[in-house]
């Protein structure tokens, strides 16, 4: 099957490492913001999740 991309649309150049890091940093900021919002909205679930994480860290072997 022939390529259906129009001639005037050139493919984007590959992403640079700096662009990827900036995009990843923005994603991680958004993720932390979403988790903080969820923790404020559902405090009981957030507390249970913290307890599970603490238990996981206590039983982790170095």
PDB file of N, CA and C in Angstrom:
ATOM      1  N   UNK A   1       0.854  -1.180   0.000  1.00  0.00           N
ATOM      2  CA  UNK A   1       0.000   0.000   0.000  1.00  0.00           C
ATOM      3  C   UNK A   1       0.898   1.242   0.000  1.00  0.00           C
ATOM      4  N   UNK A   2       0.617   2.229  -0.811  1.00  0.00           N
ATOM      5  CA  UNK A   2       1.473   3.424  -0.859  1.00  0.00           C
ATOM      6  C   UNK A   2       1.323   4.264   0.401  1.00  0.00           C
ATOM      7  N   UNK A   3       2.357   5.069   0.654  1.00  0.00           N
ATOM      8  CA  UNK A   3       2.328   5.966   1.802  1.00  0.00           C
ATOM      9  C   UNK A   3       1.252   7.032   1.574  1.00  0.00           C
ATOM     10  N   UNK A   4       0.341   7.197   2.534  1.00  0.00           N
ATOM     11  CA  UNK A   4      -0.783   8.121   2.364  1.00  0.00           C
ATOM     12  C   UNK A   4      -0.506   9.497   2.938  1.00  0.00           C
ATOM     13  N   UNK A   5       0.718   9.768   3.357  1.00  0.00           N
ATOM     14  CA  UNK A   5       1.057  11.068   3.931  1.00  0.00           C
ATOM     15  C   UNK A   5       1.160  12.119   2.824  1.00  0.00           C
ATOM     16  N   UNK A   6       0.528  13.285   3.007  1.00  0.00           N
ATOM     17  CA  UNK A   6       0.627  14.328   1.975  1.00  0.00           C
ATOM     18  C   UNK A   6       2.071  14.779   1.781  1.00  0.00           C
ATOM     19  N   UNK A   7       2.370  15.254   0.589  1.00  0.00           N
ATOM     20  CA  UNK A   7       3.731  15.654   0.237  1.00  0.00           C
ATOM     21  C   UNK A   7       4.181  16.870   1.046  1.00  0.00           C
ATOM     22  N   UNK A   8       3.260  17.837   1.275  1.00  0.00           N
ATOM     23  CA  UNK A   8       3.665  19.065   1.966  1.00  0.00           C
ATOM     24  C   UNK A   8       3.914  18.859   3.453  1.00  0.00           C
ATOM     25  N   UNK A   9       3.464  17.746   4.023  1.00  0.00           N
ATOM     26  CA  UNK A   9       3.723  17.464   5.449  1.00  0.00           C
ATOM     27  C   UNK A   9       4.994  16.649   5.567  1.00  0.00           C
ATOM     28  N   UNK A  10       6.035  17.259   6.077  1.00  0.00           N
ATOM     29  CA  UNK A  10       7.292  16.549   6.277  1.00  0.00           C
ATOM     30  C   UNK A  10       7.258  15.876   7.646  1.00  0.00           C
ATOM     31  N   UNK A  11       7.839  14.702   7.759  1.00  0.00           N
ATOM     32  CA  UNK A  11       7.883  14.065   9.083  1.00  0.00           C
ATOM     33  C   UNK A  11       8.711  14.914  10.047  1.00  0.00           C
ATOM     34  N   UNK A  12       8.320  14.885  11.311  1.00  0.00           N
ATOM     35  CA  UNK A  12       9.031  15.688  12.313  1.00  0.00           C
ATOM     36  C   UNK A  12      10.428  15.133  12.530  1.00  0.00           C
ATOM     37  N   UNK A  13      11.399  16.002  12.774  1.00  0.00           N
ATOM     38  CA  UNK A  13      12.754  15.510  13.054  1.00  0.00           C
ATOM     39  C   UNK A  13      12.753  14.755  14.387  1.00  0.00           C
ATOM     40  N   UNK A  14      13.696  13.867  14.567  1.00  0.00           N
ATOM     41  CA  UNK A  14      13.732  13.117  15.825  1.00  0.00           C
ATOM     42  C   UNK A  14      13.890  14.055  17.026  1.00  0.00           C
ATOM     43  N   UNK A  15      13.319  13.646  18.125  1.00  0.00           N
ATOM     44  CA  UNK A  15      13.334  14.462  19.336  1.00  0.00           C
ATOM     45  C   UNK A  15      14.738  14.475  19.948  1.00  0.00           C
ATOM     46  N   UNK A  16      15.179  15.626  20.393  1.00  0.00           N
ATOM     47  CA  UNK A  16      16.492  15.712  21.033  1.00  0.00           C
ATOM     48  C   UNK A  16      16.378  15.240  22.482  1.00  0.00           C
ATOM     49  N   UNK A  17      17.505  14.949  23.077  1.00  0.00           N
ATOM     50  CA  UNK A  17      17.522  14.483  24.463  1.00  0.00           C
ATOM     51  C   UNK A  17      16.973  15.559  25.401  1.00  0.00           C
ATOM     52  N   UNK A  18      17.301  16.811  25.127  1.00  0.00           N
ATOM     53  CA  UNK A  18      16.819  17.907  25.979  1.00  0.00           C
ATOM     54  C   UNK A  18      15.294  18.032  25.893  1.00  0.00           C
ATOM     55  N   UNK A  19      14.750  17.874  24.683  1.00  0.00           N
ATOM     56  CA  UNK A  19      13.290  17.941  24.542  1.00  0.00           C
ATOM     57  C   UNK A  19      12.623  16.788  25.275  1.00  0.00           C
ATOM     58  N   UNK A  20      13.218  15.608  25.175  1.00  0.00           N
ATOM     59  CA  UNK A  20      12.654  14.437  25.859  1.00  0.00           C
ATOM     60  C   UNK A  20      12.683  14.635  27.373  1.00  0.00           C
ATOM     61  N   UNK A  21      13.810  15.163  27.884  1.00  0.00           N
ATOM     62  CA  UNK A  21      13.906  15.401  29.334  1.00  0.00           C
ATOM     63  C   UNK A  21      12.890  16.440  29.782  1.00  0.00           C
ATOM     64  N   UNK A  22      12.706  17.495  29.000  1.00  0.00           N
ATOM     65  CA  UNK A  22      11.731  18.529  29.359  1.00  0.00           C
ATOM     66  C   UNK A  22      10.317  17.961  29.360  1.00  0.00           C
ATOM     67  N   UNK A  23      10.014  17.143  28.354  1.00  0.00           N
ATOM     68  CA  UNK A  23       8.685  16.540  28.279  1.00  0.00           C
ATOM     69  C   UNK A  23       8.462  15.583  29.450  1.00  0.00           C
ATOM     70  N   UNK A  24       9.509  14.820  29.788  1.00  0.00           N
ATOM     71  CA  UNK A  24       9.418  13.876  30.918  1.00  0.00           C
ATOM     72  C   UNK A  24       9.251  14.628  32.237  1.00  0.00           C
ATOM     73  N   UNK A  25       9.984  15.723  32.416  1.00  0.00           N
ATOM     74  CA  UNK A  25       9.872  16.527  33.633  1.00  0.00           C
ATOM     75  C   UNK A  25       8.457  17.086  33.781  1.00  0.00           C
ATOM     76  N   UNK A  26       7.889  17.556  32.670  1.00  0.00           N
ATOM     77  CA  UNK A  26       6.520  18.074  32.709  1.00  0.00           C
ATOM     78  C   UNK A  26       5.540  16.962  33.075  1.00  0.00           C
ATOM     79  N   UNK A  27       5.732  15.783  32.502  1.00  0.00           N
ATOM     80  CA  UNK A  27       4.865  14.650  32.822  1.00  0.00           C
ATOM     81  C   UNK A  27       4.947  14.298  34.305  1.00  0.00           C
ATOM     82  N   UNK A  28       6.171  14.264  34.848  1.00  0.00           N
ATOM     83  CA  UNK A  28       6.333  13.915  36.260  1.00  0.00           C
ATOM     84  C   UNK A  28       5.722  14.981  37.168  1.00  0.00           C
ATOM     85  N   UNK A  29       5.830  16.258  36.783  1.00  0.00           N
ATOM     86  CA  UNK A  29       5.177  17.318  37.566  1.00  0.00           C
ATOM     87  C   UNK A  29       3.667  17.130  37.561  1.00  0.00           C
ATOM     88  N   UNK A  30       3.102  16.846  36.392  1.00  0.00           N
ATOM     89  CA  UNK A  30       1.657  16.627  36.291  1.00  0.00           C
ATOM     90  C   UNK A  30       1.231  15.412  37.110  1.00  0.00           C
ATOM     91  N   UNK A  31       2.044  14.366  37.079  1.00  0.00           N
ATOM     92  CA  UNK A  31       1.727  13.152  37.832  1.00  0.00           C
ATOM     93  C   UNK A  31       1.723  13.423  39.333  1.00  0.00           C
ATOM     94  N   UNK A  32       2.724  14.145  39.820  1.00  0.00           N
ATOM     95  CA  UNK A  32       2.785  14.465  41.249  1.00  0.00           C
ATOM     96  C   UNK A  32       1.600  15.344  41.653  1.00  0.00           C
ATOM     97  N   UNK A  33       1.221  16.282  40.791  1.00  0.00           N
ATOM     98  CA  UNK A  33       0.082  17.145  41.067  1.00  0.00           C
ATOM     99  C   UNK A  33      -1.208  16.322  41.140  1.00  0.00           C
ATOM    100  N   UNK A  34      -1.356  15.373  40.234  1.00  0.00           N
ATOM    101  CA  UNK A  34      -2.549  14.526  40.232  1.00  0.00           C
ATOM    102  C   UNK A  34      -2.592  13.654  41.479  1.00  0.00           C
ATOM    103  N   UNK A  35      -1.452  13.128  41.897  1.00  0.00           N
ATOM    104  CA  UNK A  35      -1.416  12.297  43.113  1.00  0.00           C
ATOM    105  C   UNK A  35      -1.740  13.132  44.347  1.00  0.00           C
ATOM    106  N   UNK A  36      -1.213  14.353  44.397  1.00  0.00           N
ATOM    107  CA  UNK A  36      -1.500  15.225  45.544  1.00  0.00           C
ATOM    108  C   UNK A  36      -2.981  15.560  45.598  1.00  0.00           C
ATOM    109  N   UNK A  37      -3.573  15.818  44.448  1.00  0.00           N
ATOM    110  CA  UNK A  37      -5.010  16.097  44.404  1.00  0.00           C
ATOM    111  C   UNK A  37      -5.806  14.887  44.871  1.00  0.00           C
ATOM    112  N   UNK A  38      -5.440  13.715  44.410  1.00  0.00           N
ATOM    113  CA  UNK A  38      -6.143  12.489  44.825  1.00  0.00           C
ATOM    114  C   UNK A  38      -6.005  12.279  46.329  1.00  0.00           C
ATOM    115  N   UNK A  39      -4.815  12.552  46.869  1.00  0.00           N
ATOM    116  CA  UNK A  39      -4.613  12.397  48.316  1.00  0.00           C
ATOM    117  C   UNK A  39      -5.486  13.356  49.112  1.00  0.00           C
ATOM    118  N   UNK A  40      -5.672  14.579  48.598  1.00  0.00           N
ATOM    119  CA  UNK A  40      -6.535  15.536  49.303  1.00  0.00           C
ATOM    120  C   UNK A  40      -7.998  15.129  49.215  1.00  0.00           C
ATOM    121  N   UNK A  41      -8.388  14.566  48.081  1.00  0.00           N
ATOM    122  CA  UNK A  41      -9.794  14.221  47.872  1.00  0.00           C
ATOM    123  C   UNK A  41     -10.160  12.929  48.600  1.00  0.00           C
ATOM    124  N   UNK A  42      -9.224  11.990  48.681  1.00  0.00           N
ATOM    125  CA  UNK A  42      -9.501  10.695  49.307  1.00  0.00           C
ATOM    126  C   UNK A  42      -8.486  10.427  50.419  1.00  0.00           C
ATOM    127  N   UNK A  43      -8.614  11.108  51.557  1.00  0.00           N
ATOM    128  CA  UNK A  43      -7.582  10.975  52.593  1.00  0.00           C
ATOM    129  C   UNK A  43      -7.470   9.561  53.170  1.00  0.00           C
ATOM    130  N   UNK A  44      -8.577   8.841  53.277  1.00  0.00           N
ATOM    131  CA  UNK A  44      -8.504   7.489  53.852  1.00  0.00           C
ATOM    132  C   UNK A  44      -7.730   6.562  52.937  1.00  0.00           C
ATOM    133  N   UNK A  45      -8.007   6.641  51.648  1.00  0.00           N
ATOM    134  CA  UNK A  45      -7.290   5.798  50.681  1.00  0.00           C
ATOM    135  C   UNK A  45      -5.811   6.185  50.640  1.00  0.00           C
ATOM    136  N   UNK A  46      -5.523   7.482  50.742  1.00  0.00           N
ATOM    137  CA  UNK A  46      -4.135   7.936  50.731  1.00  0.00           C
ATOM    138  C   UNK A  46      -3.390   7.415  51.954  1.00  0.00           C
ATOM    139  N   UNK A  47      -4.056   7.429  53.109  1.00  0.00           N
ATOM    140  CA  UNK A  47      -3.408   6.927  54.330  1.00  0.00           C
ATOM    141  C   UNK A  47      -3.131   5.431  54.206  1.00  0.00           C
ATOM    142  N   UNK A  48      -4.079   4.695  53.669  1.00  0.00           N
ATOM    143  CA  UNK A  48      -3.880   3.252  53.482  1.00  0.00           C
ATOM    144  C   UNK A  48      -2.723   2.997  52.508  1.00  0.00           C
ATOM    145  N   UNK A  49      -2.634   3.790  51.457  1.00  0.00           N
ATOM    146  CA  UNK A  49      -1.541   3.631  50.496  1.00  0.00           C
ATOM    147  C   UNK A  49      -0.201   3.935  51.148  1.00  0.00           C
ATOM    148  N   UNK A  50      -0.151   4.972  51.998  1.00  0.00           N
ATOM    149  CA  UNK A  50       1.099   5.282  52.711  1.00  0.00           C
ATOM    150  C   UNK A  50       1.496   4.125  53.624  1.00  0.00           C
ATOM    151  N   UNK A  51       0.524   3.548  54.314  1.00  0.00           N
ATOM    152  CA  UNK A  51       0.810   2.411  55.212  1.00  0.00           C
ATOM    153  C   UNK A  51       1.348   1.217  54.413  1.00  0.00           C
ATOM    154  N   UNK A  52       0.740   0.942  53.262  1.00  0.00           N
ATOM    155  CA  UNK A  52       1.226  -0.175  52.431  1.00  0.00           C
ATOM    156  C   UNK A  52       2.646   0.091  51.954  1.00  0.00           C
ATOM    157  N   UNK A  53       2.922   1.335  51.563  1.00  0.00           N
ATOM    158  CA  UNK A  53       4.272   1.682  51.107  1.00  0.00           C
ATOM    159  C   UNK A  53       5.280   1.535  52.242  1.00  0.00           C
ATOM    160  N   UNK A  54       4.915   1.973  53.444  1.00  0.00           N
ATOM    161  CA  UNK A  54       5.812   1.817  54.597  1.00  0.00           C
ATOM    162  C   UNK A  54       6.093   0.348  54.883  1.00  0.00           C
ATOM    163  N   UNK A  55       5.054  -0.481  54.798  1.00  0.00           N
ATOM    164  CA  UNK A  55       5.237  -1.914  55.040  1.00  0.00           C
ATOM    165  C   UNK A  55       6.144  -2.512  53.959  1.00  0.00           C
ATOM    166  N   UNK A  56       5.961  -2.084  52.718  1.00  0.00           N
ATOM    167  CA  UNK A  56       6.801  -2.558  51.629  1.00  0.00           C
ATOM    168  C   UNK A  56       8.263  -2.193  51.885  1.00  0.00           C
ATOM    169  N   UNK A  57       8.490  -0.966  52.352  1.00  0.00           N
ATOM    170  CA  UNK A  57       9.866  -0.530  52.599  1.00  0.00           C
ATOM    171  C   UNK A  57      10.463  -1.249  53.803  1.00  0.00           C
ATOM    172  N   UNK A  58       9.657  -1.568  54.808  1.00  0.00           N
ATOM    173  CA  UNK A  58      10.175  -2.298  55.975  1.00  0.00           C
ATOM    174  C   UNK A  58      10.621  -3.700  55.607  1.00  0.00           C
ATOM    175  N   UNK A  59       9.913  -4.328  54.672  1.00  0.00           N
ATOM    176  CA  UNK A  59      10.231  -5.717  54.332  1.00  0.00           C
ATOM    177  C   UNK A  59      11.188  -5.827  53.150  1.00  0.00           C
ATOM    178  N   UNK A  60      11.630  -4.667  52.615  1.00  0.00           N
ATOM    179  CA  UNK A  60      12.540  -4.683  51.475  1.00  0.00           C
ATOM    180  C   UNK A  60      13.933  -5.092  51.934  1.00  0.00           C
ATOM    181  N   UNK A  61      14.558  -5.981  51.188  1.00  0.00           N
ATOM    182  CA  UNK A  61      15.927  -6.424  51.518  1.00  0.00           C
ATOM    183  C   UNK A  61      16.926  -5.688  50.658  1.00  0.00           C
ATOM    184  N   UNK A  62      17.934  -5.110  51.256  1.00  0.00           N
ATOM    185  CA  UNK A  62      18.979  -4.402  50.496  1.00  0.00           C
ATOM    186  C   UNK A  62      19.973  -5.394  49.974  1.00  0.00           C
TER     187      UNK A  62
END
